[in-house]
């Protein structure tokens, strides 16, 4: 059998992963079987197991992907020119959570499952903790730039704002998935109401 190119291997692995995401989004991590993932992928069992040894590996990859997608919001904001303000941060967070609505899978729904999975699997807990610490660092960097640009008060604590943002992020995901779609303008009005 000819050896797969790296590009083909990555594409097929991604296909298996996205097939799993569709199943996980519909039925959850624990109610989804490998047989369902195999069926959704349209590949043979041997082919699927070539990319992932089992469901735990699929869950681990799902957690990594969900966290990476969310962290990318902050790295993108740090690279934007001109400097994005607090309102842009809120807009980007909401847009990221809403990006997959109506598609076969939704990484924000999978993120909710990842949090509970992290409570029972120590290595995932460590990944989630590292992710939130990295996000806090990105937010602190943004806040320092906001202070320098006069977008927030000079005495603003970057660490306090970072703590606020990482605490509110799960609430945004839960509200979006379990209550109602988020309206950015309502969030921004709420923030403005809290300003002195």
Protein backbone atom coordinates (compact mmCIF):
# COMPACT_ATOMS: atom_id res chain seq x y z
CA UNK A 1 0.00 0.00 0.00
CA UNK A 2 1.47 3.40 -0.95
CA UNK A 3 2.42 5.69 1.91
CA UNK A 4 0.05 8.62 2.50
CA UNK A 5 1.36 12.13 2.06
CA UNK A 6 1.30 14.28 5.18
CA UNK A 7 -1.40 16.43 3.59
CA UNK A 8 -3.63 13.42 2.86
CA UNK A 9 -3.04 11.97 6.33
CA UNK A 10 -3.95 15.29 7.97
CA UNK A 11 -7.04 15.71 5.77
CA UNK A 12 -8.33 12.21 6.58
CA UNK A 13 -7.58 12.62 10.28
CA UNK A 14 -9.49 15.89 10.25
CA UNK A 15 -12.42 14.18 8.50
CA UNK A 16 -12.56 11.54 11.26
CA UNK A 17 -12.37 14.26 13.90
CA UNK A 18 -15.15 16.33 12.31
CA UNK A 19 -17.28 13.19 11.99
CA UNK A 20 -16.79 12.63 15.73
CA UNK A 21 -17.69 16.26 16.44
CA UNK A 22 -21.00 15.82 14.64
CA UNK A 23 -21.76 12.81 16.83
CA UNK A 24 -20.51 14.50 20.01
CA UNK A 25 -22.57 17.65 19.29
CA UNK A 26 -25.69 15.56 18.85
CA UNK A 27 -25.29 12.90 21.56
CA UNK A 28 -22.47 14.01 23.88
CA UNK A 29 -19.12 12.39 24.53
CA UNK A 30 -20.32 9.45 26.56
CA UNK A 31 -23.43 8.52 24.58
CA UNK A 32 -21.43 8.45 21.35
CA UNK A 33 -19.86 5.13 20.39
CA UNK A 34 -16.90 4.52 18.14
CA UNK A 35 -19.27 2.63 15.83
CA UNK A 36 -21.27 5.84 15.40
CA UNK A 37 -18.11 7.81 14.62
CA UNK A 38 -17.02 5.16 12.10
CA UNK A 39 -20.43 5.22 10.44
CA UNK A 40 -20.48 9.03 10.32
CA UNK A 41 -17.02 9.09 8.75
CA UNK A 42 -17.96 6.68 5.98
CA UNK A 43 -14.58 5.03 6.46
CA UNK A 44 -13.69 1.51 7.54
CA UNK A 45 -13.03 0.79 11.21
CA UNK A 46 -9.38 0.05 10.41
CA UNK A 47 -9.02 3.41 8.67
CA UNK A 48 -10.57 5.33 11.57
CA UNK A 49 -8.41 3.54 14.15
CA UNK A 50 -5.33 4.45 12.11
CA UNK A 51 -5.93 8.08 13.13
CA UNK A 52 -7.38 7.66 16.63
CA UNK A 53 -6.89 4.68 18.93
CA UNK A 54 -10.27 5.20 20.56
CA UNK A 55 -12.86 7.64 21.84
CA UNK A 56 -10.61 9.11 24.55
CA UNK A 57 -8.13 10.22 21.88
CA UNK A 58 -10.99 11.79 19.92
CA UNK A 59 -12.16 13.60 23.06
CA UNK A 60 -8.63 14.83 23.78
CA UNK A 61 -8.29 16.16 20.23
CA UNK A 62 -11.71 17.79 20.51
CA UNK A 63 -10.73 19.57 23.72
CA UNK A 64 -7.50 20.77 22.13
CA UNK A 65 -9.35 22.09 19.08
CA UNK A 66 -12.05 23.87 21.08
CA UNK A 67 -9.45 25.55 23.28
CA UNK A 68 -7.24 26.53 20.35
CA UNK A 69 -10.18 28.09 18.49
CA UNK A 70 -11.09 30.20 21.50
CA UNK A 71 -7.51 31.25 22.22
CA UNK A 72 -7.10 32.34 18.59
CA UNK A 73 -9.63 35.10 19.27
CA UNK A 74 -7.20 36.75 21.64
CA UNK A 75 -4.05 36.28 19.58
CA UNK A 76 -5.90 37.76 16.59
CA UNK A 77 -7.00 40.78 18.62
CA UNK A 78 -3.45 41.37 19.82
CA UNK A 79 -2.30 41.48 16.18
CA UNK A 80 -5.01 43.85 14.95
CA UNK A 81 -4.09 47.35 13.87
CA UNK A 82 -5.56 49.74 14.84
CA UNK A 83 -5.82 48.53 18.41
CA UNK A 84 -9.24 46.94 19.06
CA UNK A 85 -11.04 48.22 22.13
CA UNK A 86 -13.13 46.39 24.73
CA UNK A 87 -16.22 46.43 22.49
CA UNK A 88 -14.30 44.60 19.76
CA UNK A 89 -13.25 41.95 22.28
CA UNK A 90 -16.90 41.34 23.20
CA UNK A 91 -17.90 41.23 19.52
CA UNK A 92 -15.19 38.68 18.72
CA UNK A 93 -16.08 36.44 21.65
CA UNK A 94 -19.73 36.37 20.62
CA UNK A 95 -18.87 35.83 16.95
CA UNK A 96 -16.64 32.88 17.87
CA UNK A 97 -19.35 31.24 19.97
CA UNK A 98 -21.93 31.77 17.23
CA UNK A 99 -19.69 30.80 14.29
CA UNK A 100 -20.88 27.20 13.91
CA UNK A 101 -24.57 27.66 14.65
CA UNK A 102 -26.64 25.52 12.28
CA UNK A 103 -23.68 23.41 11.14
CA UNK A 104 -23.21 19.68 11.83
CA UNK A 105 -21.01 20.46 14.82
CA UNK A 106 -20.52 23.34 17.21
CA UNK A 107 -17.24 23.71 19.07
CA UNK A 108 -18.90 25.85 21.75
CA UNK A 109 -21.23 22.93 22.61
CA UNK A 110 -18.20 20.67 22.68
CA UNK A 111 -16.40 23.13 24.97
CA UNK A 112 -19.19 22.71 27.54
CA UNK A 113 -18.66 18.95 27.44
CA UNK A 114 -14.90 19.45 27.65
CA UNK A 115 -15.27 21.29 30.96
CA UNK A 116 -17.08 18.36 32.54
CA UNK A 117 -14.62 15.90 31.02
CA UNK A 118 -11.78 17.93 32.57
CA UNK A 119 -13.30 17.31 36.00
CA UNK A 120 -12.74 13.58 35.65
CA UNK A 121 -9.51 13.40 33.63
CA UNK A 122 -6.52 15.13 35.18
CA UNK A 123 -4.53 15.68 31.98
CA UNK A 124 -7.51 17.48 30.41
CA UNK A 125 -7.92 19.57 33.53
CA UNK A 126 -4.30 20.64 33.16
CA UNK A 127 -4.88 21.57 29.50
CA UNK A 128 -7.98 23.61 30.34
CA UNK A 129 -6.18 25.38 33.19
CA UNK A 130 -3.20 26.17 30.94
CA UNK A 131 -5.59 27.52 28.31
CA UNK A 132 -7.33 29.87 30.75
CA UNK A 133 -3.98 31.08 32.08
CA UNK A 134 -2.83 31.77 28.51
CA UNK A 135 -6.05 33.64 27.75
CA UNK A 136 -5.63 35.68 30.93
CA UNK A 137 -2.15 36.64 29.74
CA UNK A 138 -3.53 37.74 26.37
CA UNK A 139 -6.26 39.81 28.01
CA UNK A 140 -3.74 41.43 30.35
CA UNK A 141 -1.61 42.37 27.35
CA UNK A 142 -4.66 43.89 25.65
CA UNK A 143 -5.59 45.85 28.79
CA UNK A 144 -2.07 47.26 29.10
CA UNK A 145 -2.36 48.46 25.52
CA UNK A 146 -5.82 49.89 26.23
CA UNK A 147 -4.38 51.83 29.17
CA UNK A 148 -1.56 53.21 27.01
CA UNK A 149 -4.07 54.21 24.31
CA UNK A 150 -6.44 55.84 26.81
CA UNK A 151 -9.25 53.36 26.07
CA UNK A 152 -9.63 52.44 29.75
CA UNK A 153 -8.85 54.29 32.97
CA UNK A 154 -5.15 54.57 33.85
CA UNK A 155 -5.52 52.71 37.17
CA UNK A 156 -7.24 49.70 35.59
CA UNK A 157 -5.85 46.37 36.77
CA UNK A 158 -5.01 44.15 33.79
CA UNK A 159 -5.21 41.07 36.06
CA UNK A 160 -8.69 42.04 37.32
CA UNK A 161 -10.01 42.57 33.79
CA UNK A 162 -8.48 39.26 32.69
CA UNK A 163 -10.16 37.49 35.61
CA UNK A 164 -13.48 39.08 34.67
CA UNK A 165 -13.18 38.02 31.01
CA UNK A 166 -12.18 34.41 31.70
CA UNK A 167 -14.97 34.13 34.26
CA UNK A 168 -17.58 35.49 31.85
CA UNK A 169 -16.50 33.38 28.86
CA UNK A 170 -18.13 30.14 30.07
CA UNK A 171 -21.30 32.09 30.86
CA UNK A 172 -21.42 33.29 27.27
CA UNK A 173 -21.09 29.72 26.00
CA UNK A 174 -23.76 28.40 28.39
CA UNK A 175 -26.20 31.23 27.65
CA UNK A 176 -25.74 30.82 23.90
CA UNK A 177 -26.32 27.07 24.01
CA UNK A 178 -28.93 26.71 26.76
CA UNK A 179 -30.84 29.98 27.04
CA UNK A 180 -30.97 32.17 23.94
CA UNK A 181 -28.71 33.64 21.28
CA UNK A 182 -26.52 36.45 22.51
CA UNK A 183 -27.10 39.95 21.18
CA UNK A 184 -23.81 41.85 21.16
CA UNK A 185 -25.52 45.23 21.53
CA UNK A 186 -27.17 44.07 24.78
CA UNK A 187 -23.81 43.02 26.22
CA UNK A 188 -22.22 46.31 25.20
CA UNK A 189 -25.15 48.24 26.73
CA UNK A 190 -24.66 46.29 29.95
CA UNK A 191 -20.95 47.12 29.99
CA UNK A 192 -21.66 50.79 29.34
CA UNK A 193 -24.19 50.86 32.18
CA UNK A 194 -21.49 49.67 34.58
CA UNK A 195 -19.06 52.43 33.63
CA UNK A 196 -18.80 55.36 36.10
